[in-house]
C-alpha atoms as a PDB file:
ATOM      1  CA  UNK A   1       8.279  26.115 -35.233  1.00  0.00           C
ATOM      2  CA  UNK A   2       8.372  22.727 -33.369  1.00  0.00           C
ATOM      3  CA  UNK A   3       5.404  21.069 -32.356  1.00  0.00           C
ATOM      4  CA  UNK A   4       4.894  20.237 -28.564  1.00  0.00           C
ATOM      5  CA  UNK A   5       3.998  16.399 -27.673  1.00  0.00           C
ATOM      6  CA  UNK A   6       1.718  16.045 -24.814  1.00  0.00           C
ATOM      7  CA  UNK A   7       2.137  13.046 -22.527  1.00  0.00           C
ATOM      8  CA  UNK A   8       0.351  11.785 -19.503  1.00  0.00           C
ATOM      9  CA  UNK A   9       1.784  13.246 -16.295  1.00  0.00           C
ATOM     10  CA  UNK A  10       2.329   9.480 -15.237  1.00  0.00           C
ATOM     11  CA  UNK A  11       2.645   6.306 -17.031  1.00  0.00           C
ATOM     12  CA  UNK A  12       0.595   3.374 -16.202  1.00  0.00           C
ATOM     13  CA  UNK A  13       2.080   0.825 -13.629  1.00  0.00           C
ATOM     14  CA  UNK A  14       1.080  -2.822 -13.776  1.00  0.00           C
ATOM     15  CA  UNK A  15      -0.638  -3.916 -10.438  1.00  0.00           C
ATOM     16  CA  UNK A  16       1.529  -6.434  -8.815  1.00  0.00           C
ATOM     17  CA  UNK A  17       0.050  -9.835  -8.556  1.00  0.00           C
ATOM     18  CA  UNK A  18       0.352  -9.986  -4.487  1.00  0.00           C
ATOM     19  CA  UNK A  19      -2.068  -6.871  -4.628  1.00  0.00           C
ATOM     20  CA  UNK A  20      -4.394  -8.494  -6.780  1.00  0.00           C
ATOM     21  CA  UNK A  21      -4.375 -11.574  -4.521  1.00  0.00           C
ATOM     22  CA  UNK A  22      -4.700  -9.451  -1.344  1.00  0.00           C
ATOM     23  CA  UNK A  23      -7.720  -7.592  -3.052  1.00  0.00           C
ATOM     24  CA  UNK A  24      -9.681 -10.815  -3.211  1.00  0.00           C
ATOM     25  CA  UNK A  25      -9.470 -11.301   0.633  1.00  0.00           C
ATOM     26  CA  UNK A  26     -12.669 -10.321   2.593  1.00  0.00           C
ATOM     27  CA  UNK A  27     -11.289  -7.796   5.036  1.00  0.00           C
ATOM     28  CA  UNK A  28     -14.685  -6.566   6.550  1.00  0.00           C
ATOM     29  CA  UNK A  29     -13.456  -3.135   6.174  1.00  0.00           C
ATOM     30  CA  UNK A  30     -12.839  -0.579   3.339  1.00  0.00           C
ATOM     31  CA  UNK A  31      -9.214  -1.030   2.464  1.00  0.00           C
ATOM     32  CA  UNK A  32      -7.874   2.632   1.533  1.00  0.00           C
ATOM     33  CA  UNK A  33      -4.666   1.395  -0.141  1.00  0.00           C
ATOM     34  CA  UNK A  34      -2.627  -1.776  -0.817  1.00  0.00           C
ATOM     35  CA  UNK A  35       1.197  -1.308  -0.044  1.00  0.00           C
ATOM     36  CA  UNK A  36       4.209  -3.061  -1.576  1.00  0.00           C
ATOM     37  CA  UNK A  37       7.973  -2.930  -0.860  1.00  0.00           C
ATOM     38  CA  UNK A  38       7.000  -1.921   2.558  1.00  0.00           C
ATOM     39  CA  UNK A  39       9.431  -1.143   5.237  1.00  0.00           C
ATOM     40  CA  UNK A  40       8.668  -0.331   8.841  1.00  0.00           C
ATOM     41  CA  UNK A  41       9.864   3.086  10.106  1.00  0.00           C
ATOM     42  CA  UNK A  42       8.699   3.323  13.738  1.00  0.00           C
ATOM     43  CA  UNK A  43       4.924   3.404  13.801  1.00  0.00           C
ATOM     44  CA  UNK A  44       4.577   4.080  10.092  1.00  0.00           C
ATOM     45  CA  UNK A  45       5.469   2.347   6.864  1.00  0.00           C
ATOM     46  CA  UNK A  46       7.147   3.644   3.827  1.00  0.00           C
ATOM     47  CA  UNK A  47       5.846   1.789   0.664  1.00  0.00           C
ATOM     48  CA  UNK A  48       4.704   1.846  -2.857  1.00  0.00           C
ATOM     49  CA  UNK A  49       0.919   2.374  -2.900  1.00  0.00           C
ATOM     50  CA  UNK A  50      -1.506   0.703  -5.301  1.00  0.00           C
ATOM     51  CA  UNK A  51      -5.391   0.719  -5.889  1.00  0.00           C
ATOM     52  CA  UNK A  52      -5.819   4.093  -3.682  1.00  0.00           C
ATOM     53  CA  UNK A  53      -9.640   4.229  -2.913  1.00  0.00           C
ATOM     54  CA  UNK A  54      -9.493   7.908  -3.127  1.00  0.00           C
ATOM     55  CA  UNK A  55      -8.094   7.840  -6.411  1.00  0.00           C
ATOM     56  CA  UNK A  56      -5.518  10.744  -5.522  1.00  0.00           C
ATOM     57  CA  UNK A  57      -2.192   8.830  -5.515  1.00  0.00           C
ATOM     58  CA  UNK A  58      -0.972   7.140  -8.704  1.00  0.00           C
ATOM     59  CA  UNK A  59      -0.230   3.562  -8.733  1.00  0.00           C
ATOM     60  CA  UNK A  60       3.497   2.906  -7.812  1.00  0.00           C
ATOM     61  CA  UNK A  61       3.855   6.154  -5.944  1.00  0.00           C
ATOM     62  CA  UNK A  62       5.985   5.872  -2.724  1.00  0.00           C
ATOM     63  CA  UNK A  63       4.291   6.976   0.319  1.00  0.00           C
ATOM     64  CA  UNK A  64       4.557   7.112   4.011  1.00  0.00           C
ATOM     65  CA  UNK A  65       1.461   5.793   5.984  1.00  0.00           C
ATOM     66  CA  UNK A  66       0.130   7.980   9.031  1.00  0.00           C
ATOM     67  CA  UNK A  67       0.895   6.119  12.226  1.00  0.00           C
ATOM     68  CA  UNK A  68      -0.735   2.655  12.134  1.00  0.00           C
ATOM     69  CA  UNK A  69      -1.226  -0.541  14.268  1.00  0.00           C
ATOM     70  CA  UNK A  70      -1.839  -4.143  13.113  1.00  0.00           C
ATOM     71  CA  UNK A  71      -5.329  -5.275  12.944  1.00  0.00           C
ATOM     72  CA  UNK A  72      -4.706  -8.669  11.683  1.00  0.00           C
ATOM     73  CA  UNK A  73      -2.723 -11.229   9.223  1.00  0.00           C
ATOM     74  CA  UNK A  74      -4.338 -13.248   6.707  1.00  0.00           C
ATOM     75  CA  UNK A  75      -2.526 -15.647   3.967  1.00  0.00           C
ATOM     76  CA  UNK A  76       0.454 -13.585   4.634  1.00  0.00           C
ATOM     77  CA  UNK A  77      -0.903 -10.205   4.082  1.00  0.00           C
ATOM     78  CA  UNK A  78      -1.070  -7.582   6.905  1.00  0.00           C
ATOM     79  CA  UNK A  79      -4.040  -5.161   7.611  1.00  0.00           C
ATOM     80  CA  UNK A  80      -3.228  -2.089   9.239  1.00  0.00           C
ATOM     81  CA  UNK A  81      -5.299   0.706  10.761  1.00  0.00           C
ATOM     82  CA  UNK A  82      -4.465   4.259  11.234  1.00  0.00           C
ATOM     83  CA  UNK A  83      -4.367   5.339  14.682  1.00  0.00           C
ATOM     84  CA  UNK A  84      -7.044   7.827  14.036  1.00  0.00           C
ATOM     85  CA  UNK A  85      -9.232   4.942  13.050  1.00  0.00           C
ATOM     86  CA  UNK A  86     -10.276   6.094   9.757  1.00  0.00           C
ATOM     87  CA  UNK A  87      -7.957   4.311   7.223  1.00  0.00           C
ATOM     88  CA  UNK A  88      -7.102   0.822   6.588  1.00  0.00           C
ATOM     89  CA  UNK A  89      -4.127  -0.367   4.333  1.00  0.00           C
ATOM     90  CA  UNK A  90      -2.996  -3.892   3.496  1.00  0.00           C
ATOM     91  CA  UNK A  91       0.671  -4.646   2.885  1.00  0.00           C
ATOM     92  CA  UNK A  92       0.990  -6.967   0.237  1.00  0.00           C
ATOM     93  CA  UNK A  93       4.832  -7.526   0.276  1.00  0.00           C
ATOM     94  CA  UNK A  94       7.847  -6.479   2.006  1.00  0.00           C
ATOM     95  CA  UNK A  95      11.034  -4.651   1.025  1.00  0.00           C
ATOM     96  CA  UNK A  96      12.919  -7.371   2.970  1.00  0.00           C
ATOM     97  CA  UNK A  97      11.882 -10.705   4.220  1.00  0.00           C
ATOM     98  CA  UNK A  98      12.807  -9.543   7.790  1.00  0.00           C
ATOM     99  CA  UNK A  99      10.698  -6.710   7.859  1.00  0.00           C
ATOM    100  CA  UNK A 100       7.430  -9.047   8.121  1.00  0.00           C
ATOM    101  CA  UNK A 101       8.904 -10.237  11.536  1.00  0.00           C
ATOM    102  CA  UNK A 102       8.715  -6.959  13.067  1.00  0.00           C
ATOM    103  CA  UNK A 103       5.135  -6.045  11.822  1.00  0.00           C
ATOM    104  CA  UNK A 104       3.548  -7.087  14.965  1.00  0.00           C
ATOM    105  CA  UNK A 105       5.980  -5.619  17.446  1.00  0.00           C
END
């Protein structure tokens, strides 16, 4: 009879340096998650998520945000708020350089 090897459901993913840098900024709100490789899709963003405050989404998982609006930009990072007002996200980097140009429109 062969033995069964148990493995974690997901592998640990390193937190990108941009996320760690964005985390050091005082945003004056509780940030629910940090997003990398963000791409705008209408009033939502598709991105990889890190440091999910609720602890429900594994680092590096691809997500779609709810509808969001721009709150502010600091040091090249963008703070977003869900339209319902309950959640805040920080975009730490973009899928392409051109995406950043459209974040505020």
